[in-house]
């Protein structure tokens, strides 16, 4: 009994440690209801966000990433990825006291027929950071850490939006009959006018024939 409890505690601790490090159990990222099984990621350059997103998707084992868009059932386009640092407040001497860090990304998912599976969606994250010119290096390290934290948060939000994609349903054009409408008779009704007789034309008889 004591041995089983120790084993259970060891497994529980291992799971918590792996979760804290960013690892997830296989099959727990995108689910099993995706309308596609392969995807091409169209990211600009060697984006750190793309690298982390790719690592999470590959690690889930639920979605195949292709090297060419024509080989994929779905295409993930990142039309915008920006980082911005904005002054939030100043101190009494007019020096910067606090910055606001913004991380924005706009994504869209389409299929091979160019139909939108996920319309253009912008995700914006923000973190605040105080500034102290006496410890510039420490503040730069803190800024990089906050951007890294926002990057990981963006990856999870993108994965959740991909997991929520539903199959494209073709519109139903089946006509609906209305019982209140009288049926339309397409047959041509007979004419009510009396038929007109055509008078016969008299044929002249020659004299020889008359005798």
N, C-alpha and C. Protein backbone atom coordinates (compact mmCIF):
# COMPACT_ATOMS: atom_id res chain seq x y z
N UNK A 1 0.83 -1.21 0.00
CA UNK A 1 0.00 0.00 0.00
C UNK A 1 0.86 1.26 0.00
N UNK A 2 1.87 1.27 0.86
CA UNK A 2 2.76 2.43 0.93
C UNK A 2 3.51 2.62 -0.38
N UNK A 3 3.89 1.50 -1.00
CA UNK A 3 4.61 1.58 -2.27
C UNK A 3 3.72 2.16 -3.36
N UNK A 4 2.45 1.78 -3.38
CA UNK A 4 1.52 2.31 -4.37
C UNK A 4 1.30 3.80 -4.19
N UNK A 5 1.23 4.23 -2.93
CA UNK A 5 1.05 5.67 -2.67
C UNK A 5 2.27 6.46 -3.15
N UNK A 6 3.45 5.92 -2.92
CA UNK A 6 4.66 6.61 -3.38
C UNK A 6 4.70 6.70 -4.91
N UNK A 7 4.29 5.62 -5.56
CA UNK A 7 4.26 5.63 -7.02
C UNK A 7 3.27 6.64 -7.54
N UNK A 8 2.09 6.72 -6.90
CA UNK A 8 1.08 7.69 -7.33
C UNK A 8 1.58 9.11 -7.15
N UNK A 9 2.22 9.38 -6.01
CA UNK A 9 2.76 10.72 -5.75
C UNK A 9 3.84 11.08 -6.76
N UNK A 10 4.68 10.10 -7.11
CA UNK A 10 5.74 10.36 -8.08
C UNK A 10 5.15 10.70 -9.45
N UNK A 11 4.12 9.98 -9.87
CA UNK A 11 3.46 10.26 -11.15
C UNK A 11 2.79 11.62 -11.14
N UNK A 12 2.16 11.97 -10.01
CA UNK A 12 1.50 13.27 -9.90
C UNK A 12 2.50 14.40 -9.99
N UNK A 13 3.61 14.27 -9.30
CA UNK A 13 4.66 15.30 -9.35
C UNK A 13 5.22 15.43 -10.75
N UNK A 14 5.43 14.30 -11.44
CA UNK A 14 5.97 14.34 -12.80
C UNK A 14 5.03 15.06 -13.74
N UNK A 15 3.71 14.81 -13.58
CA UNK A 15 2.73 15.48 -14.44
C UNK A 15 2.73 16.98 -14.21
N UNK A 16 2.81 17.40 -12.96
CA UNK A 16 2.83 18.84 -12.64
C UNK A 16 4.08 19.49 -13.21
N UNK A 17 5.22 18.82 -13.09
CA UNK A 17 6.47 19.38 -13.60
C UNK A 17 6.43 19.53 -15.12
N UNK A 18 5.92 18.50 -15.81
CA UNK A 18 5.83 18.57 -17.27
C UNK A 18 4.88 19.66 -17.72
N UNK A 19 3.77 19.83 -17.01
CA UNK A 19 2.82 20.89 -17.36
C UNK A 19 3.45 22.26 -17.16
N UNK A 20 4.23 22.42 -16.09
CA UNK A 20 4.88 23.71 -15.83
C UNK A 20 5.93 24.02 -16.89
N UNK A 21 6.52 22.98 -17.47
CA UNK A 21 7.54 23.20 -18.50
C UNK A 21 6.93 23.41 -19.88
N UNK A 22 5.62 23.33 -20.00
CA UNK A 22 4.98 23.59 -21.27
C UNK A 22 4.63 22.34 -22.05
N UNK A 23 4.90 21.14 -21.51
CA UNK A 23 4.57 19.90 -22.20
C UNK A 23 3.12 19.54 -21.92
N UNK A 24 2.50 18.87 -22.91
CA UNK A 24 1.12 18.44 -22.76
C UNK A 24 1.02 16.99 -23.18
N UNK A 25 0.05 16.30 -22.59
CA UNK A 25 -0.14 14.91 -22.94
C UNK A 25 -0.61 14.81 -24.38
N UNK A 26 -0.17 13.77 -25.09
CA UNK A 26 -0.53 13.56 -26.48
C UNK A 26 -2.04 13.43 -26.62
N UNK A 27 -2.59 14.15 -27.61
CA UNK A 27 -4.02 14.07 -27.85
C UNK A 27 -4.83 15.05 -27.04
N UNK A 28 -4.20 16.03 -26.39
CA UNK A 28 -4.93 16.95 -25.53
C UNK A 28 -4.87 18.39 -26.01
N UNK A 29 -4.44 18.61 -27.27
CA UNK A 29 -4.25 19.98 -27.75
C UNK A 29 -5.38 20.40 -28.69
N UNK A 30 -5.60 19.66 -29.76
CA UNK A 30 -6.55 20.06 -30.79
C UNK A 30 -7.83 19.23 -30.80
N UNK A 31 -7.86 18.13 -30.13
CA UNK A 31 -9.06 17.29 -30.12
C UNK A 31 -9.15 16.44 -31.37
N UNK A 32 -10.29 15.77 -31.53
CA UNK A 32 -10.46 14.83 -32.63
C UNK A 32 -11.57 15.24 -33.59
N UNK A 33 -12.02 16.49 -33.54
CA UNK A 33 -13.13 16.94 -34.39
C UNK A 33 -12.69 17.89 -35.49
N UNK A 34 -11.40 18.00 -35.74
CA UNK A 34 -10.93 18.90 -36.80
C UNK A 34 -11.43 18.43 -38.16
N UNK A 35 -11.90 19.36 -39.02
CA UNK A 35 -12.36 18.97 -40.36
C UNK A 35 -11.22 18.75 -41.34
N UNK A 36 -9.99 18.81 -40.89
CA UNK A 36 -8.83 18.58 -41.75
C UNK A 36 -7.77 17.85 -40.94
N UNK A 37 -6.89 17.16 -41.65
CA UNK A 37 -5.84 16.37 -41.01
C UNK A 37 -4.44 16.87 -41.33
N UNK A 38 -4.32 17.86 -42.19
CA UNK A 38 -3.00 18.41 -42.53
C UNK A 38 -3.11 19.92 -42.69
N UNK A 39 -2.00 20.62 -42.41
CA UNK A 39 -2.01 22.08 -42.45
C UNK A 39 -0.65 22.61 -42.88
N UNK A 40 -0.69 23.73 -43.61
CA UNK A 40 0.52 24.45 -43.98
C UNK A 40 0.53 25.77 -43.23
N UNK A 41 1.65 26.06 -42.55
CA UNK A 41 1.77 27.29 -41.78
C UNK A 41 2.51 28.34 -42.59
N UNK A 42 1.83 29.43 -42.92
CA UNK A 42 2.42 30.50 -43.71
C UNK A 42 2.80 31.65 -42.78
N UNK A 43 3.99 31.54 -42.18
CA UNK A 43 4.50 32.57 -41.26
C UNK A 43 5.61 33.36 -41.94
N UNK A 44 5.74 34.64 -41.61
CA UNK A 44 6.85 35.43 -42.18
C UNK A 44 8.19 35.10 -41.54
N UNK A 45 9.13 34.66 -42.34
CA UNK A 45 10.49 34.42 -41.84
C UNK A 45 10.56 33.37 -40.75
N UNK A 46 11.64 33.42 -39.97
CA UNK A 46 11.83 32.49 -38.86
C UNK A 46 11.25 33.10 -37.58
N UNK A 47 9.94 33.15 -37.53
CA UNK A 47 9.26 33.75 -36.38
C UNK A 47 9.37 32.83 -35.17
N UNK A 48 9.80 33.36 -34.01
CA UNK A 48 9.81 32.55 -32.78
C UNK A 48 8.43 32.02 -32.43
N UNK A 49 7.39 32.81 -32.74
CA UNK A 49 6.03 32.37 -32.49
C UNK A 49 5.71 31.15 -33.34
N UNK A 50 6.12 31.17 -34.62
CA UNK A 50 5.88 30.04 -35.51
C UNK A 50 6.61 28.80 -35.03
N UNK A 51 7.84 28.97 -34.54
CA UNK A 51 8.62 27.83 -34.07
C UNK A 51 7.94 27.16 -32.88
N UNK A 52 7.46 27.96 -31.93
CA UNK A 52 6.78 27.39 -30.76
C UNK A 52 5.45 26.77 -31.13
N UNK A 53 4.71 27.42 -32.03
CA UNK A 53 3.43 26.87 -32.47
C UNK A 53 3.63 25.54 -33.19
N UNK A 54 4.62 25.49 -34.06
CA UNK A 54 4.92 24.24 -34.78
C UNK A 54 5.29 23.12 -33.81
N UNK A 55 6.09 23.46 -32.80
CA UNK A 55 6.50 22.45 -31.82
C UNK A 55 5.29 21.90 -31.06
N UNK A 56 4.34 22.75 -30.72
CA UNK A 56 3.15 22.29 -30.01
C UNK A 56 2.26 21.41 -30.89
N UNK A 57 2.12 21.79 -32.17
CA UNK A 57 1.26 21.01 -33.07
C UNK A 57 1.88 19.65 -33.35
N UNK A 58 3.18 19.64 -33.63
CA UNK A 58 3.87 18.38 -33.90
C UNK A 58 3.83 17.49 -32.66
N UNK A 59 4.00 18.07 -31.49
CA UNK A 59 3.99 17.31 -30.26
C UNK A 59 2.64 16.70 -29.95
N UNK A 60 1.55 17.31 -30.44
CA UNK A 60 0.23 16.77 -30.17
C UNK A 60 -0.04 15.51 -30.98
N UNK A 61 0.59 15.40 -32.17
CA UNK A 61 0.37 14.23 -33.01
C UNK A 61 -0.99 14.19 -33.66
N UNK A 62 -1.75 15.28 -33.61
CA UNK A 62 -3.12 15.30 -34.13
C UNK A 62 -3.24 15.98 -35.48
N UNK A 63 -2.20 16.66 -35.92
CA UNK A 63 -2.28 17.42 -37.16
C UNK A 63 -0.93 17.35 -37.87
N UNK A 64 -0.96 16.97 -39.14
CA UNK A 64 0.25 16.88 -39.93
C UNK A 64 0.58 18.24 -40.55
N UNK A 65 1.81 18.70 -40.38
CA UNK A 65 2.26 19.95 -40.98
C UNK A 65 3.03 19.64 -42.26
N UNK A 66 2.67 20.32 -43.33
CA UNK A 66 3.29 20.08 -44.63
C UNK A 66 4.26 21.20 -44.98
N UNK A 67 5.16 20.92 -45.91
CA UNK A 67 6.14 21.91 -46.36
C UNK A 67 5.63 22.75 -47.52
N UNK A 68 4.55 22.29 -48.18
CA UNK A 68 3.99 23.01 -49.32
C UNK A 68 2.49 23.20 -49.11
N UNK A 69 1.97 24.37 -49.49
CA UNK A 69 0.53 24.61 -49.29
C UNK A 69 -0.35 23.68 -50.10
N UNK A 70 0.12 23.25 -51.29
CA UNK A 70 -0.70 22.38 -52.13
C UNK A 70 -0.85 20.98 -51.55
N UNK A 71 -0.01 20.63 -50.58
CA UNK A 71 -0.10 19.30 -49.96
C UNK A 71 -0.96 19.30 -48.71
N UNK A 72 -1.52 20.44 -48.34
CA UNK A 72 -2.27 20.54 -47.08
C UNK A 72 -3.76 20.73 -47.34
N UNK A 73 -4.56 20.24 -46.42
CA UNK A 73 -6.00 20.43 -46.49
C UNK A 73 -6.41 21.81 -45.99
N UNK A 74 -5.59 22.41 -45.14
CA UNK A 74 -5.87 23.74 -44.60
C UNK A 74 -4.58 24.56 -44.59
N UNK A 75 -4.74 25.87 -44.69
CA UNK A 75 -3.59 26.79 -44.72
C UNK A 75 -3.78 27.84 -43.63
N UNK A 76 -2.80 27.93 -42.75
CA UNK A 76 -2.81 28.95 -41.69
C UNK A 76 -1.97 30.13 -42.15
N UNK A 77 -2.61 31.26 -42.38
CA UNK A 77 -1.93 32.49 -42.79
C UNK A 77 -1.81 33.43 -41.61
N UNK A 78 -0.61 33.94 -41.40
CA UNK A 78 -0.38 34.98 -40.39
C UNK A 78 -0.12 36.27 -41.15
N UNK A 79 -1.13 37.11 -41.22
CA UNK A 79 -1.04 38.34 -42.00
C UNK A 79 -0.38 39.48 -41.24
N UNK A 80 -0.26 39.34 -39.93
CA UNK A 80 0.36 40.41 -39.13
C UNK A 80 0.89 39.83 -37.83
N UNK A 81 2.12 40.21 -37.50
CA UNK A 81 2.72 39.85 -36.21
C UNK A 81 3.63 41.00 -35.78
N UNK A 82 3.22 41.74 -34.77
CA UNK A 82 3.96 42.93 -34.35
C UNK A 82 4.13 42.97 -32.84
N UNK A 83 5.23 43.58 -32.43
CA UNK A 83 5.49 43.90 -31.02
C UNK A 83 5.59 45.41 -30.90
N UNK A 84 5.02 45.95 -29.85
CA UNK A 84 5.00 47.41 -29.68
C UNK A 84 5.25 47.76 -28.22
N UNK A 85 6.05 48.82 -28.02
CA UNK A 85 6.37 49.30 -26.68
C UNK A 85 5.90 50.74 -26.57
N UNK A 86 4.94 50.98 -25.67
CA UNK A 86 4.29 52.28 -25.56
C UNK A 86 4.50 52.84 -24.16
N UNK A 87 4.80 54.15 -24.08
CA UNK A 87 4.96 54.81 -22.78
C UNK A 87 3.59 54.91 -22.10
N UNK A 88 3.53 54.44 -20.87
CA UNK A 88 2.27 54.46 -20.13
C UNK A 88 2.19 55.64 -19.17
N UNK A 89 3.30 55.96 -18.52
CA UNK A 89 3.28 57.06 -17.55
C UNK A 89 4.68 57.62 -17.35
N UNK A 90 4.73 58.87 -16.83
CA UNK A 90 5.98 59.57 -16.55
C UNK A 90 6.04 59.91 -15.06
N UNK A 91 7.24 60.10 -14.56
CA UNK A 91 7.38 60.53 -13.17
C UNK A 91 7.37 62.04 -13.09
N UNK A 92 7.60 62.58 -11.92
CA UNK A 92 7.53 64.04 -11.72
C UNK A 92 8.63 64.78 -12.47
N UNK A 93 9.74 64.08 -12.80
CA UNK A 93 10.83 64.71 -13.57
C UNK A 93 10.64 64.56 -15.08
N UNK A 94 9.50 64.00 -15.49
CA UNK A 94 9.24 63.84 -16.91
C UNK A 94 9.92 62.62 -17.52
N UNK A 95 10.43 61.74 -16.70
CA UNK A 95 11.07 60.52 -17.20
C UNK A 95 10.07 59.36 -17.20
N UNK A 96 10.35 58.41 -18.06
CA UNK A 96 9.44 57.27 -18.20
C UNK A 96 9.41 56.47 -16.90
N UNK A 97 8.21 56.18 -16.45
CA UNK A 97 8.04 55.37 -15.25
C UNK A 97 7.51 53.98 -15.58
N UNK A 98 6.69 53.89 -16.64
CA UNK A 98 6.10 52.59 -16.97
C UNK A 98 5.85 52.50 -18.47
N UNK A 99 6.12 51.31 -19.02
CA UNK A 99 5.84 51.02 -20.42
C UNK A 99 4.72 49.99 -20.50
N UNK A 100 4.05 50.01 -21.65
CA UNK A 100 3.09 48.96 -21.98
C UNK A 100 3.62 48.16 -23.15
N UNK A 101 3.71 46.85 -23.01
CA UNK A 101 4.21 45.97 -24.07
C UNK A 101 3.02 45.29 -24.75
N UNK A 102 2.95 45.42 -26.07
CA UNK A 102 1.86 44.84 -26.84
C UNK A 102 2.41 43.80 -27.82
N UNK A 103 1.68 42.71 -27.94
CA UNK A 103 2.02 41.66 -28.90
C UNK A 103 0.74 41.34 -29.67
N UNK A 104 0.74 41.62 -30.98
CA UNK A 104 -0.45 41.42 -31.81
C UNK A 104 -0.15 40.43 -32.92
N UNK A 105 -1.13 39.59 -33.20
CA UNK A 105 -1.01 38.65 -34.31
C UNK A 105 -2.39 38.49 -34.95
N UNK A 106 -2.42 38.47 -36.28
CA UNK A 106 -3.65 38.26 -37.04
C UNK A 106 -3.52 36.97 -37.84
N UNK A 107 -4.48 36.07 -37.67
CA UNK A 107 -4.42 34.78 -38.33
C UNK A 107 -5.68 34.55 -39.15
N UNK A 108 -5.56 33.65 -40.12
CA UNK A 108 -6.70 33.23 -40.94
C UNK A 108 -6.43 31.81 -41.41
N UNK A 109 -7.49 31.00 -41.49
CA UNK A 109 -7.36 29.62 -41.96
C UNK A 109 -8.30 29.41 -43.14
N UNK A 110 -7.75 28.89 -44.24
CA UNK A 110 -8.54 28.60 -45.44
C UNK A 110 -8.28 27.17 -45.87
N UNK A 111 -9.15 26.66 -46.75
CA UNK A 111 -8.92 25.34 -47.33
C UNK A 111 -8.40 25.49 -48.76
N UNK A 112 -8.27 24.38 -49.46
CA UNK A 112 -7.72 24.43 -50.80
C UNK A 112 -8.63 25.17 -51.78
N UNK A 113 -9.92 25.24 -51.46
CA UNK A 113 -10.87 25.96 -52.33
C UNK A 113 -10.95 27.44 -51.96
N UNK A 114 -10.04 27.91 -51.09
CA UNK A 114 -9.99 29.31 -50.64
C UNK A 114 -11.17 29.70 -49.77
N UNK A 115 -11.93 28.74 -49.32
CA UNK A 115 -13.03 29.05 -48.40
C UNK A 115 -12.45 29.26 -47.01
N UNK A 116 -12.96 30.26 -46.31
CA UNK A 116 -12.45 30.59 -44.98
C UNK A 116 -13.00 29.64 -43.93
N UNK A 117 -12.10 28.91 -43.30
CA UNK A 117 -12.48 28.08 -42.16
C UNK A 117 -12.44 28.89 -40.88
N UNK A 118 -11.55 29.89 -40.86
CA UNK A 118 -11.45 30.84 -39.75
C UNK A 118 -11.19 32.20 -40.35
N UNK A 119 -12.15 33.11 -40.21
CA UNK A 119 -12.01 34.45 -40.77
C UNK A 119 -10.87 35.19 -40.06
N UNK A 120 -10.32 36.25 -40.70
CA UNK A 120 -9.20 36.98 -40.09
C UNK A 120 -9.50 37.38 -38.65
N UNK A 121 -8.64 36.95 -37.76
CA UNK A 121 -8.83 37.17 -36.32
C UNK A 121 -7.56 37.78 -35.73
N UNK A 122 -7.71 38.90 -35.04
CA UNK A 122 -6.57 39.56 -34.40
C UNK A 122 -6.59 39.29 -32.90
N UNK A 123 -5.47 38.81 -32.41
CA UNK A 123 -5.30 38.56 -30.97
C UNK A 123 -4.27 39.55 -30.44
N UNK A 124 -4.63 40.29 -29.41
CA UNK A 124 -3.75 41.30 -28.83
C UNK A 124 -3.53 41.00 -27.35
N UNK A 125 -2.27 40.95 -26.96
CA UNK A 125 -1.91 40.76 -25.56
C UNK A 125 -1.11 41.96 -25.07
N UNK A 126 -1.20 42.24 -23.77
CA UNK A 126 -0.52 43.41 -23.20
C UNK A 126 0.05 43.06 -21.82
N UNK A 127 1.25 43.55 -21.58
CA UNK A 127 1.88 43.44 -20.28
C UNK A 127 2.46 44.80 -19.91
N UNK A 128 2.42 45.14 -18.63
CA UNK A 128 3.00 46.39 -18.13
C UNK A 128 4.36 46.11 -17.49
N UNK A 129 5.27 47.07 -17.67
CA UNK A 129 6.60 46.93 -17.09
C UNK A 129 7.09 48.29 -16.62
N UNK A 130 7.58 48.35 -15.42
CA UNK A 130 8.13 49.60 -14.90
C UNK A 130 9.54 49.80 -15.47
N UNK A 131 9.99 51.06 -15.44
CA UNK A 131 11.30 51.37 -16.02
C UNK A 131 12.18 52.04 -14.97
N UNK A 132 13.43 51.63 -14.96
CA UNK A 132 14.42 52.23 -14.07
C UNK A 132 15.75 52.27 -14.82
N UNK A 133 16.20 53.46 -15.13
CA UNK A 133 17.43 53.60 -15.92
C UNK A 133 18.68 53.15 -15.16
N UNK A 134 18.54 52.95 -13.85
CA UNK A 134 19.70 52.50 -13.07
C UNK A 134 19.93 51.00 -13.22
N UNK A 135 18.93 50.28 -13.65
CA UNK A 135 19.07 48.83 -13.84
C UNK A 135 18.55 48.46 -15.24
N UNK A 136 19.16 49.06 -16.24
CA UNK A 136 18.69 48.88 -17.62
C UNK A 136 18.77 47.42 -18.05
N UNK A 137 19.89 46.77 -17.75
CA UNK A 137 20.06 45.38 -18.19
C UNK A 137 19.02 44.47 -17.56
N UNK A 138 18.73 44.69 -16.30
CA UNK A 138 17.72 43.87 -15.63
C UNK A 138 16.34 44.11 -16.23
N UNK A 139 16.04 45.35 -16.60
CA UNK A 139 14.75 45.66 -17.19
C UNK A 139 14.64 45.09 -18.61
N UNK A 140 15.74 45.07 -19.35
CA UNK A 140 15.73 44.46 -20.68
C UNK A 140 15.46 42.96 -20.58
N UNK A 141 16.05 42.32 -19.58
CA UNK A 141 15.81 40.89 -19.37
C UNK A 141 14.35 40.65 -18.99
N UNK A 142 13.80 41.52 -18.17
CA UNK A 142 12.39 41.38 -17.77
C UNK A 142 11.47 41.58 -18.98
N UNK A 143 11.81 42.54 -19.84
CA UNK A 143 11.01 42.78 -21.04
C UNK A 143 11.01 41.55 -21.95
N UNK A 144 12.18 40.96 -22.17
CA UNK A 144 12.26 39.76 -23.00
C UNK A 144 11.45 38.62 -22.40
N UNK A 145 11.46 38.51 -21.08
CA UNK A 145 10.70 37.45 -20.42
C UNK A 145 9.20 37.66 -20.60
N UNK A 146 8.76 38.92 -20.52
CA UNK A 146 7.34 39.21 -20.70
C UNK A 146 6.89 38.92 -22.13
N UNK A 147 7.73 39.27 -23.11
CA UNK A 147 7.39 38.95 -24.50
C UNK A 147 7.34 37.44 -24.72
N UNK A 148 8.24 36.72 -24.08
CA UNK A 148 8.24 35.27 -24.19
C UNK A 148 6.97 34.69 -23.58
N UNK A 149 6.54 35.26 -22.46
CA UNK A 149 5.30 34.81 -21.82
C UNK A 149 4.10 35.08 -22.73
N UNK A 150 4.06 36.25 -23.36
CA UNK A 150 2.96 36.56 -24.27
C UNK A 150 2.99 35.65 -25.49
N UNK A 151 4.17 35.31 -25.95
CA UNK A 151 4.30 34.41 -27.10
C UNK A 151 3.69 33.05 -26.79
N UNK A 152 3.99 32.51 -25.63
CA UNK A 152 3.42 31.21 -25.23
C UNK A 152 1.91 31.31 -25.08
N UNK A 153 1.43 32.43 -24.56
CA UNK A 153 -0.01 32.64 -24.42
C UNK A 153 -0.67 32.71 -25.79
N UNK A 154 -0.03 33.40 -26.74
CA UNK A 154 -0.57 33.49 -28.10
C UNK A 154 -0.66 32.11 -28.75
N UNK A 155 0.36 31.29 -28.55
CA UNK A 155 0.35 29.94 -29.12
C UNK A 155 -0.87 29.17 -28.64
N UNK A 156 -1.16 29.24 -27.34
CA UNK A 156 -2.30 28.51 -26.80
C UNK A 156 -3.62 29.07 -27.33
N UNK A 157 -3.70 30.39 -27.49
CA UNK A 157 -4.92 30.98 -28.02
C UNK A 157 -5.13 30.61 -29.48
N UNK A 158 -4.05 30.56 -30.26
CA UNK A 158 -4.17 30.14 -31.66
C UNK A 158 -4.62 28.68 -31.75
N UNK A 159 -4.05 27.84 -30.90
CA UNK A 159 -4.44 26.42 -30.89
C UNK A 159 -5.92 26.27 -30.54
N UNK A 160 -6.40 27.04 -29.59
CA UNK A 160 -7.81 26.95 -29.21
C UNK A 160 -8.72 27.38 -30.36
N UNK A 161 -8.31 28.39 -31.11
CA UNK A 161 -9.13 28.83 -32.24
C UNK A 161 -9.11 27.81 -33.37
N UNK A 162 -7.97 27.17 -33.59
CA UNK A 162 -7.91 26.11 -34.60
C UNK A 162 -8.78 24.94 -34.18
N UNK A 163 -8.73 24.58 -32.91
CA UNK A 163 -9.52 23.44 -32.41
C UNK A 163 -11.02 23.70 -32.52
N UNK A 164 -11.42 24.97 -32.54
CA UNK A 164 -12.85 25.30 -32.60
C UNK A 164 -13.39 25.38 -34.02
N UNK A 165 -12.55 25.16 -35.03
CA UNK A 165 -12.99 25.25 -36.43
C UNK A 165 -13.98 24.12 -36.73
N UNK A 166 -15.07 24.48 -37.38
CA UNK A 166 -16.09 23.51 -37.76
C UNK A 166 -16.04 23.26 -39.27
N UNK A 167 -16.55 22.11 -39.71
CA UNK A 167 -16.58 21.83 -41.16
C UNK A 167 -17.42 22.85 -41.91
N UNK A 168 -17.03 23.12 -43.15
CA UNK A 168 -17.80 24.03 -43.99
C UNK A 168 -19.03 23.29 -44.50
N UNK A 169 -20.21 23.82 -44.22
CA UNK A 169 -21.46 23.19 -44.63
C UNK A 169 -21.97 23.86 -45.89
N UNK A 170 -22.19 23.07 -46.93
CA UNK A 170 -22.71 23.62 -48.18
C UNK A 170 -24.15 24.09 -47.99
N UNK A 171 -24.52 25.21 -48.58
CA UNK A 171 -25.90 25.70 -48.43
C UNK A 171 -26.91 24.73 -49.03
N UNK A 172 -28.05 24.62 -48.40
CA UNK A 172 -29.11 23.72 -48.85
C UNK A 172 -30.07 24.50 -49.73
N UNK A 173 -30.15 24.08 -51.01
CA UNK A 173 -31.03 24.77 -51.94
C UNK A 173 -32.31 23.99 -52.21
N UNK A 174 -32.68 23.05 -51.34
CA UNK A 174 -33.89 22.26 -51.52
C UNK A 174 -35.12 23.18 -51.39
N UNK A 175 -35.98 23.23 -52.42
CA UNK A 175 -37.16 24.11 -52.33
C UNK A 175 -38.10 23.66 -51.23
N UNK A 176 -38.66 24.62 -50.55
CA UNK A 176 -39.61 24.34 -49.47
C UNK A 176 -41.01 24.63 -49.96
N UNK A 177 -41.87 23.63 -49.89
CA UNK A 177 -43.25 23.79 -50.37
C UNK A 177 -44.08 24.49 -49.29
N UNK A 178 -44.95 25.40 -49.75
CA UNK A 178 -45.84 26.12 -48.84
C UNK A 178 -47.25 25.59 -49.04
N UNK A 179 -47.85 24.98 -48.02
CA UNK A 179 -49.20 24.42 -48.20
C UNK A 179 -50.26 25.47 -48.45
N UNK A 180 -49.94 26.75 -48.18
CA UNK A 180 -50.93 27.81 -48.37
C UNK A 180 -50.98 28.30 -49.81
N UNK A 181 -49.99 27.89 -50.61
CA UNK A 181 -49.96 28.33 -52.00
C UNK A 181 -50.63 27.29 -52.87
N UNK A 182 -51.48 27.76 -53.79
CA UNK A 182 -52.15 26.84 -54.71
C UNK A 182 -51.15 26.32 -55.72
N UNK A 183 -51.30 25.07 -56.12
CA UNK A 183 -50.38 24.54 -57.13
C UNK A 183 -50.53 25.24 -58.45
N UNK A 184 -49.44 25.40 -59.13
CA UNK A 184 -49.44 26.09 -60.42
C UNK A 184 -49.69 25.07 -61.52
N UNK A 185 -50.74 25.32 -62.35
CA UNK A 185 -51.06 24.44 -63.47
C UNK A 185 -50.28 24.91 -64.68
N UNK A 186 -49.32 24.09 -65.10
CA UNK A 186 -48.45 24.46 -66.22
C UNK A 186 -49.03 24.06 -67.57
N UNK A 187 -50.19 23.35 -67.58
CA UNK A 187 -50.77 22.94 -68.87
C UNK A 187 -51.44 24.12 -69.53
N UNK A 188 -51.47 24.11 -70.88
CA UNK A 188 -52.07 25.20 -71.66
C UNK A 188 -53.57 24.95 -71.78
N UNK A 189 -54.44 25.87 -71.29
CA UNK A 189 -55.89 25.65 -71.37
C UNK A 189 -56.38 25.72 -72.81
N UNK A 190 -57.41 24.95 -73.13
CA UNK A 190 -57.94 25.01 -74.50
C UNK A 190 -58.56 26.37 -74.78
N UNK A 191 -58.51 26.77 -76.03
CA UNK A 191 -59.04 28.07 -76.42
C UNK A 191 -60.56 28.06 -76.35
N UNK A 192 -61.16 29.12 -75.80
CA UNK A 192 -62.62 29.21 -75.69
C UNK A 192 -63.29 29.77 -76.93
N UNK A 193 -62.49 30.29 -77.91
CA UNK A 193 -63.07 30.87 -79.12
C UNK A 193 -63.49 29.75 -80.07
N UNK A 194 -64.65 29.90 -80.74
CA UNK A 194 -65.07 28.87 -81.71
C UNK A 194 -64.12 28.81 -82.88
N UNK A 195 -63.98 27.63 -83.40
CA UNK A 195 -63.09 27.44 -84.56
C UNK A 195 -63.64 28.17 -85.75
N UNK A 196 -62.83 28.84 -86.50
CA UNK A 196 -63.23 29.61 -87.68
C UNK A 196 -63.14 28.71 -88.90
N UNK A 197 -64.27 28.65 -89.63
CA UNK A 197 -64.28 27.84 -90.86
C UNK A 197 -63.70 28.64 -92.01
N UNK A 198 -62.96 27.99 -92.82
CA UNK A 198 -62.33 28.65 -93.96
C UNK A 198 -63.18 28.39 -95.19
N UNK A 199 -63.77 29.45 -95.81
CA UNK A 199 -64.64 29.24 -96.99
C UNK A 199 -63.84 28.65 -98.14
N UNK A 200 -64.52 27.70 -98.81
CA UNK A 200 -63.87 27.09 -99.97
C UNK A 200 -63.90 28.03 -101.15
N UNK A 201 -62.92 28.02 -101.95
CA UNK A 201 -62.82 28.92 -103.09
C UNK A 201 -63.40 28.25 -104.33
N UNK A 202 -64.31 28.97 -105.00
CA UNK A 202 -64.94 28.39 -106.20
C UNK A 202 -63.95 28.22 -107.30
N UNK A 203 -64.03 27.07 -107.94
CA UNK A 203 -63.11 26.80 -109.04
C UNK A 203 -63.86 27.00 -110.35
N UNK A 204 -63.41 27.87 -111.23
CA UNK A 204 -64.14 28.12 -112.52
C UNK A 204 -64.12 26.86 -113.40
N UNK A 205 -65.27 26.61 -114.06
CA UNK A 205 -65.40 25.43 -114.95
C UNK A 205 -65.35 25.89 -116.38
N UNK A 206 -64.55 25.23 -117.18
CA UNK A 206 -64.40 25.65 -118.59
C UNK A 206 -65.66 25.30 -119.37
N UNK A 207 -65.87 25.96 -120.50
CA UNK A 207 -67.05 25.73 -121.30
C UNK A 207 -67.15 24.32 -121.78
N UNK A 208 -66.03 23.74 -122.19
CA UNK A 208 -66.07 22.37 -122.73
C UNK A 208 -66.49 21.41 -121.66
N UNK A 209 -66.03 21.66 -120.50
CA UNK A 209 -66.40 20.76 -119.41
C UNK A 209 -67.85 20.91 -119.06
N UNK A 210 -68.40 22.18 -119.25
CA UNK A 210 -69.79 22.42 -118.90
C UNK A 210 -70.73 21.68 -119.85
N UNK A 211 -70.39 21.56 -121.18
CA UNK A 211 -71.22 20.84 -122.12
C UNK A 211 -71.17 19.36 -121.84
